[in-house]
C-alpha atoms as a PDB file:
ATOM      1  CA  ILE A   1      -4.014   1.477 -13.806  1.00  0.00           C
ATOM      2  CA  PHE A   2      -6.869   1.533 -11.379  1.00  0.00           C
ATOM      3  CA  PHE A   3      -4.539   1.839  -8.486  1.00  0.00           C
ATOM      4  CA  GLN A   4      -2.779   4.788 -10.242  1.00  0.00           C
ATOM      5  CA  ALA A   5      -6.143   6.556 -10.707  1.00  0.00           C
ATOM      6  CA  ALA A   6      -6.913   5.836  -7.272  1.00  0.00           C
ATOM      7  CA  MET A   7      -3.514   7.206  -6.168  1.00  0.00           C
ATOM      8  CA  VAL A   8      -3.872  10.424  -8.228  1.00  0.00           C
ATOM      9  CA  ILE A   9      -7.372  10.870  -7.369  1.00  0.00           C
ATOM     10  CA  GLY A  10      -6.473  10.835  -3.426  1.00  0.00           C
ATOM     11  CA  VAL A  11      -3.518  13.049  -3.805  1.00  0.00           C
ATOM     12  CA  ALA A  12      -5.355  15.289  -5.279  1.00  0.00           C
ATOM     13  CA  PHE A  13      -8.605  15.388  -3.448  1.00  0.00           C
ATOM     14  CA  PRO A  14      -7.814  13.732  -0.366  1.00  0.00           C
ATOM     15  CA  ASP A  15     -11.183  14.638   1.449  1.00  0.00           C
ATOM     16  CA  ALA A  16     -12.953  12.739  -1.067  1.00  0.00           C
ATOM     17  CA  LEU A  17     -11.339   9.390  -0.001  1.00  0.00           C
ATOM     18  CA  GLY A  18     -11.447  10.009   3.547  1.00  0.00           C
ATOM     19  CA  ASP A  19     -15.518  11.169   3.160  1.00  0.00           C
ATOM     20  CA  ALA A  20     -15.907   7.882   0.979  1.00  0.00           C
ATOM     21  CA  SER A  21     -14.546   5.623   3.056  1.00  0.00           C
ATOM     22  CA  VAL A  22     -15.615   6.363   6.634  1.00  0.00           C
ATOM     23  CA  GLY A  23     -18.173   9.231   6.592  1.00  0.00           C
ATOM     24  CA  LYS A  24     -18.031  12.683   8.238  1.00  0.00           C
ATOM     25  CA  ARG A  25     -20.138  12.267  11.084  1.00  0.00           C
ATOM     26  CA  THR A  26     -17.702   9.709  13.112  1.00  0.00           C
ATOM     27  CA  LEU A  27     -16.088  11.012  15.920  1.00  0.00           C
ATOM     28  CA  VAL A  28     -12.704   9.193  14.460  1.00  0.00           C
ATOM     29  CA  VAL A  29     -12.683  11.332  11.455  1.00  0.00           C
ATOM     30  CA  ARG A  30     -13.629  14.639  13.079  1.00  0.00           C
ATOM     31  CA  LEU A  31     -10.644  14.261  15.827  1.00  0.00           C
ATOM     32  CA  GLY A  32      -8.180  12.707  13.135  1.00  0.00           C
ATOM     33  CA  ALA A  33      -9.373  13.990   9.818  1.00  0.00           C
ATOM     34  CA  GLY A  34      -5.901  16.414   9.368  1.00  0.00           C
ATOM     35  CA  ALA A  35      -3.505  14.020  10.850  1.00  0.00           C
ATOM     36  CA  GLY A  36      -5.296  11.218   8.225  1.00  0.00           C
ATOM     37  CA  ARG A  37      -5.171  13.247   5.813  1.00  0.00           C
ATOM     38  CA  ALA A  38      -1.744  13.896   5.981  1.00  0.00           C
ATOM     39  CA  TYR A  39      -0.660  10.085   6.620  1.00  0.00           C
ATOM     40  CA  LEU A  40      -2.684   9.322   3.402  1.00  0.00           C
ATOM     41  CA  GLY A  41      -1.049  12.045   1.153  1.00  0.00           C
ATOM     42  CA  TRP A  42       2.235  10.598   1.932  1.00  0.00           C
ATOM     43  CA  ILE A  43       1.123   6.692   1.706  1.00  0.00           C
ATOM     44  CA  LEU A  44      -0.515   7.309  -1.881  1.00  0.00           C
ATOM     45  CA  TYR A  45       3.044   8.341  -3.155  1.00  0.00           C
ATOM     46  CA  ALA A  46       4.186   4.604  -1.984  1.00  0.00           C
ATOM     47  CA  VAL A  47       1.226   3.130  -3.826  1.00  0.00           C
ATOM     48  CA  PRO A  48       3.417   2.483  -7.355  1.00  0.00           C
ATOM     49  CA  PHE A  49       5.924   1.113  -5.083  1.00  0.00           C
ATOM     50  CA  MET A  50       3.737  -1.388  -3.393  1.00  0.00           C
ATOM     51  CA  LEU A  51       2.397  -2.459  -6.710  1.00  0.00           C
ATOM     52  CA  LEU A  52       6.183  -3.364  -8.020  1.00  0.00           C
ATOM     53  CA  ASP A  53       7.099  -4.764  -4.725  1.00  0.00           C
ATOM     54  CA  ALA A  54       3.903  -7.229  -4.746  1.00  0.00           C
ATOM     55  CA  ALA A  55       4.780  -8.355  -8.100  1.00  0.00           C
ATOM     56  CA  SER A  56       8.616  -9.159  -7.471  1.00  0.00           C
ATOM     57  CA  MET A  57       7.786 -10.414  -4.396  1.00  0.00           C
ATOM     58  CA  SER A  58       5.212 -13.138  -5.824  1.00  0.00           C
ATOM     59  CA  VAL A  59       8.142 -13.784  -8.712  1.00  0.00           C
ATOM     60  CA  LEU A  60      10.920 -14.312  -5.890  1.00  0.00           C
ATOM     61  CA  ARG A  61       8.052 -16.592  -3.818  1.00  0.00           C
ATOM     62  CA  ALA A  62       6.921 -18.333  -7.102  1.00  0.00           C
ATOM     63  CA  SER A  63      10.597 -19.387  -8.072  1.00  0.00           C
ATOM     64  CA  GLY A  64      11.061 -21.079  -4.369  1.00  0.00           C
ATOM     65  CA  ALA A  65      12.880 -18.056  -2.752  1.00  0.00           C
ATOM     66  CA  THR A  66      11.159 -17.427   0.283  1.00  0.00           C
ATOM     67  CA  ARG A  67      14.136 -15.978   2.306  1.00  0.00           C
ATOM     68  CA  THR A  68      14.932 -13.012  -0.064  1.00  0.00           C
ATOM     69  CA  PRO A  69      11.532 -11.223   0.207  1.00  0.00           C
ATOM     70  CA  MET A  70      11.552 -11.919   3.981  1.00  0.00           C
ATOM     71  CA  LEU A  71      15.228 -10.325   4.572  1.00  0.00           C
ATOM     72  CA  PHE A  72      14.127  -7.588   2.065  1.00  0.00           C
ATOM     73  CA  ALA A  73      10.767  -6.953   4.381  1.00  0.00           C
ATOM     74  CA  ILE A  74      13.261  -7.076   7.705  1.00  0.00           C
ATOM     75  CA  VAL A  75      15.502  -4.153   6.201  1.00  0.00           C
ATOM     76  CA  ALA A  76      12.374  -2.235   5.000  1.00  0.00           C
ATOM     77  CA  ASN A  77      10.547  -2.519   8.378  1.00  0.00           C
ATOM     78  CA  ILE A  78      13.606  -1.389  10.174  1.00  0.00           C
ATOM     79  CA  VAL A  79      14.292   1.494   8.096  1.00  0.00           C
ATOM     80  CA  ASN A  80       9.905   2.079   8.726  1.00  0.00           C
ATOM     81  CA  VAL A  81      10.947   2.185  12.412  1.00  0.00           C
ATOM     82  CA  VAL A  82      13.908   4.276  12.592  1.00  0.00           C
ATOM     83  CA  GLY A  83      11.768   6.649   9.927  1.00  0.00           C
ATOM     84  CA  ASN A  84       9.107   6.885  11.990  1.00  0.00           C
ATOM     85  CA  TYR A  85      10.844   7.965  15.057  1.00  0.00           C
ATOM     86  CA  ALA A  86      12.609  10.130  12.941  1.00  0.00           C
ATOM     87  CA  PHE A  87       9.870  11.595  11.130  1.00  0.00           C
ATOM     88  CA  ILE A  88       6.982  12.043  14.147  1.00  0.00           C
ATOM     89  CA  PHE A  89       9.309  13.363  16.474  1.00  0.00           C
ATOM     90  CA  GLY A  90      12.290  14.835  14.491  1.00  0.00           C
ATOM     91  CA  LYS A  91      15.106  12.959  15.700  1.00  0.00           C
ATOM     92  CA  PHE A  92      18.313  12.823  13.643  1.00  0.00           C
ATOM     93  CA  GLY A  93      18.034  15.997  12.056  1.00  0.00           C
ATOM     94  CA  ALA A  94      14.997  15.160  10.218  1.00  0.00           C
ATOM     95  CA  PRO A  95      11.907  17.561  10.798  1.00  0.00           C
ATOM     96  CA  ALA A  96       9.039  16.875  13.455  1.00  0.00           C
ATOM     97  CA  MET A  97       6.494  15.883  11.251  1.00  0.00           C
ATOM     98  CA  GLY A  98       3.618  13.880  13.912  1.00  0.00           C
ATOM     99  CA  VAL A  99       1.275  11.876  11.838  1.00  0.00           C
ATOM    100  CA  ALA A 100       2.532  12.750   8.459  1.00  0.00           C
ATOM    101  CA  GLY A 101       6.064  11.593   9.176  1.00  0.00           C
ATOM    102  CA  SER A 102       4.719   8.153  10.003  1.00  0.00           C
ATOM    103  CA  GLY A 103       3.523   8.153   6.429  1.00  0.00           C
ATOM    104  CA  LEU A 104       6.607   9.531   5.205  1.00  0.00           C
ATOM    105  CA  ALA A 105       8.922   6.944   6.912  1.00  0.00           C
ATOM    106  CA  THR A 106       6.221   3.850   5.332  1.00  0.00           C
ATOM    107  CA  SER A 107       6.542   5.678   1.983  1.00  0.00           C
ATOM    108  CA  ILE A 108      10.042   5.534   2.093  1.00  0.00           C
ATOM    109  CA  ALA A 109      10.413   2.028   3.492  1.00  0.00           C
ATOM    110  CA  MET A 110       7.782   0.793   0.850  1.00  0.00           C
ATOM    111  CA  GLY A 111       9.778   2.192  -1.679  1.00  0.00           C
ATOM    112  CA  LEU A 112      13.253   1.131  -0.606  1.00  0.00           C
ATOM    113  CA  GLU A 113      11.559  -2.489  -0.490  1.00  0.00           C
ATOM    114  CA  ALA A 114      10.286  -2.349  -3.912  1.00  0.00           C
ATOM    115  CA  THR A 115      13.405  -1.624  -5.243  1.00  0.00           C
ATOM    116  CA  LEU A 116      15.604  -3.909  -3.473  1.00  0.00           C
ATOM    117  CA  MET A 117      13.284  -6.575  -4.432  1.00  0.00           C
ATOM    118  CA  THR A 118      13.098  -5.572  -8.425  1.00  0.00           C
ATOM    119  CA  ALA A 119      16.619  -4.977  -8.210  1.00  0.00           C
ATOM    120  CA  TRP A 120      17.222  -8.785  -7.129  1.00  0.00           C
ATOM    121  CA  LEU A 121      15.690  -9.944  -9.977  1.00  0.00           C
ATOM    122  CA  PHE A 122      18.329  -8.456 -12.273  1.00  0.00           C
ATOM    123  CA  THR A 123      21.127  -9.708 -10.498  1.00  0.00           C
ATOM    124  CA  ARG A 124      22.510 -13.557 -11.283  1.00  0.00           C
ATOM    125  CA  HIS A 125      21.807 -14.542  -7.670  1.00  0.00           C
ATOM    126  CA  ALA A 126      17.588 -14.533  -8.508  1.00  0.00           C
ATOM    127  CA  ARG A 127      16.370 -18.064  -9.298  1.00  0.00           C
ATOM    128  CA  ILE A 128      14.077 -16.154 -12.133  1.00  0.00           C
ATOM    129  CA  ARG A 129      16.293 -13.495 -13.687  1.00  0.00           C
ATOM    130  CA  LEU A 130      14.796 -10.353 -15.453  1.00  0.00           C
ATOM    131  CA  ALA A 131      16.757  -8.626 -18.248  1.00  0.00           C
ATOM    132  CA  MET A 132      16.150  -5.381 -19.913  1.00  0.00           C
ATOM    133  CA  ARG A 133      16.311  -6.579 -23.297  1.00  0.00           C
ATOM    134  CA  SER A 134      13.238  -8.736 -22.211  1.00  0.00           C
ATOM    135  CA  PHE A 135      10.966  -5.425 -22.452  1.00  0.00           C
ATOM    136  CA  ILE A 136      11.889  -4.701 -26.052  1.00  0.00           C
ATOM    137  CA  PHE A 137       9.242  -7.602 -26.934  1.00  0.00           C
ATOM    138  CA  VAL A 138       6.752  -5.477 -25.219  1.00  0.00           C
ATOM    139  CA  THR A 139       4.012  -5.234 -28.312  1.00  0.00           C
ATOM    140  CA  ARG A 140       0.369  -4.063 -28.441  1.00  0.00           C
ATOM    141  CA  ASP A 141      -0.383  -7.899 -28.746  1.00  0.00           C
ATOM    142  CA  SER A 142       1.170  -8.416 -25.771  1.00  0.00           C
ATOM    143  CA  ILE A 143      -0.276  -5.880 -23.759  1.00  0.00           C
ATOM    144  CA  ARG A 144      -3.786  -6.986 -25.400  1.00  0.00           C
ATOM    145  CA  ARG A 145      -3.389 -10.333 -24.351  1.00  0.00           C
ATOM    146  CA  LEU A 146      -1.956  -9.698 -20.437  1.00  0.00           C
ATOM    147  CA  LEU A 147      -5.025  -6.940 -20.227  1.00  0.00           C
ATOM    148  CA  SER A 148      -7.524  -9.603 -21.386  1.00  0.00           C
ATOM    149  CA  VAL A 149      -6.600 -11.818 -18.404  1.00  0.00           C
ATOM    150  CA  ALA A 150      -5.349  -9.053 -15.762  1.00  0.00           C
ATOM    151  CA  LEU A 151      -8.527  -6.681 -16.133  1.00  0.00           C
ATOM    152  CA  PRO A 152     -11.210  -9.524 -15.457  1.00  0.00           C
ATOM    153  CA  ALA A 153      -9.042 -10.654 -12.576  1.00  0.00           C
ATOM    154  CA  ALA A 154      -8.355  -7.401 -11.085  1.00  0.00           C
ATOM    155  CA  THR A 155     -12.513  -6.783 -11.150  1.00  0.00           C
ATOM    156  CA  GLU A 156     -12.886  -9.368  -8.303  1.00  0.00           C
ATOM    157  CA  PRO A 157     -10.670  -7.781  -5.806  1.00  0.00           C
ATOM    158  CA  VAL A 158     -11.791  -4.113  -6.567  1.00  0.00           C
ATOM    159  CA  LEU A 159     -15.240  -4.954  -6.715  1.00  0.00           C
ATOM    160  CA  LEU A 160     -14.634  -6.542  -3.064  1.00  0.00           C
ATOM    161  CA  GLN A 161     -12.782  -3.703  -1.393  1.00  0.00           C
ATOM    162  CA  ILE A 162     -15.395  -1.366  -2.842  1.00  0.00           C
ATOM    163  CA  GLY A 163     -17.986  -3.673  -0.826  1.00  0.00           C
ATOM    164  CA  PHE A 164     -15.699  -3.425   2.303  1.00  0.00           C
ATOM    165  CA  LEU A 165     -15.267   0.225   2.195  1.00  0.00           C
ATOM    166  CA  LEU A 166     -19.644   0.901   1.764  1.00  0.00           C
ATOM    167  CA  PHE A 167     -19.740  -1.394   4.705  1.00  0.00           C
ATOM    168  CA  ILE A 168     -17.117   0.110   6.668  1.00  0.00           C
ATOM    169  CA  ARG A 169     -18.844   3.213   6.005  1.00  0.00           C
ATOM    170  CA  MET A 170     -22.062   2.133   6.950  1.00  0.00           C
ATOM    171  CA  LEU A 171     -20.594   1.166  10.139  1.00  0.00           C
ATOM    172  CA  ALA A 172     -19.274   4.506  10.815  1.00  0.00           C
ATOM    173  CA  GLU A 173     -22.563   6.055  10.283  1.00  0.00           C
ATOM    174  CA  LEU A 174     -23.594   4.135  13.010  1.00  0.00           C
ATOM    175  CA  GLY A 175     -20.772   5.559  15.758  1.00  0.00           C
ATOM    176  CA  PRO A 176     -17.226   4.692  16.810  1.00  0.00           C
ATOM    177  CA  GLY A 177     -18.226   2.386  19.227  1.00  0.00           C
ATOM    178  CA  GLN A 178     -19.949   0.028  16.821  1.00  0.00           C
ATOM    179  CA  LEU A 179     -16.784   0.987  14.342  1.00  0.00           C
ATOM    180  CA  ALA A 180     -14.546  -0.176  16.988  1.00  0.00           C
ATOM    181  CA  ALA A 181     -16.627  -3.296  18.182  1.00  0.00           C
ATOM    182  CA  HIS A 182     -17.008  -4.658  14.667  1.00  0.00           C
ATOM    183  CA  ARG A 183     -12.823  -4.187  14.612  1.00  0.00           C
ATOM    184  CA  VAL A 184     -12.449  -6.171  17.643  1.00  0.00           C
ATOM    185  CA  ALA A 185     -14.774  -8.504  16.120  1.00  0.00           C
ATOM    186  CA  VAL A 186     -13.098  -9.027  12.758  1.00  0.00           C
ATOM    187  CA  THR A 187      -9.720  -9.387  14.539  1.00  0.00           C
ATOM    188  CA  ILE A 188     -10.941 -12.010  17.064  1.00  0.00           C
ATOM    189  CA  GLU A 189     -12.327 -14.089  14.184  1.00  0.00           C
ATOM    190  CA  HIS A 190      -9.147 -14.008  12.127  1.00  0.00           C
ATOM    191  CA  ALA A 191      -6.925 -14.983  15.401  1.00  0.00           C
ATOM    192  CA  GLN A 192      -8.483 -18.112  15.392  1.00  0.00           C
END
């Protein structure tokens, strides 16, 4: 629910997300604000697919089927690369959209991956198989039990991400050089 709310807010008020995440004074924001908003506008439509993809991928991997998600991810990445080329530069009859085209292509790839991954769970090939009839058993009590576990579990990562956003905003206020230096340091730290 949190991510859907963020998506709606982001689509309706893209400036609010940009301002909240990095601040207005940064050179990066001033130079790329329009392009960033255009990209973010398309990516936010993919949020429900990202959630569906994450859930489906978790089920597949938990069942021991790690190859299937990898294959679907490869297909999605190929679609993303070809789509980026097409929509950024206007190739294959697609409109030349620049940075917004990258967001559109990425959203399409994410939607495709989520659809493939979820559809696979309904086939006889899946180790854990979903059936439409199992959704009949969704009751208020089952939703209440799910939320009693899911909401507390979701609170920690949401608060962590809010903390990261606030920290990045503070760094951005120091200037683009300091923000870039921090990003380099984090990349080096994670490479070890």
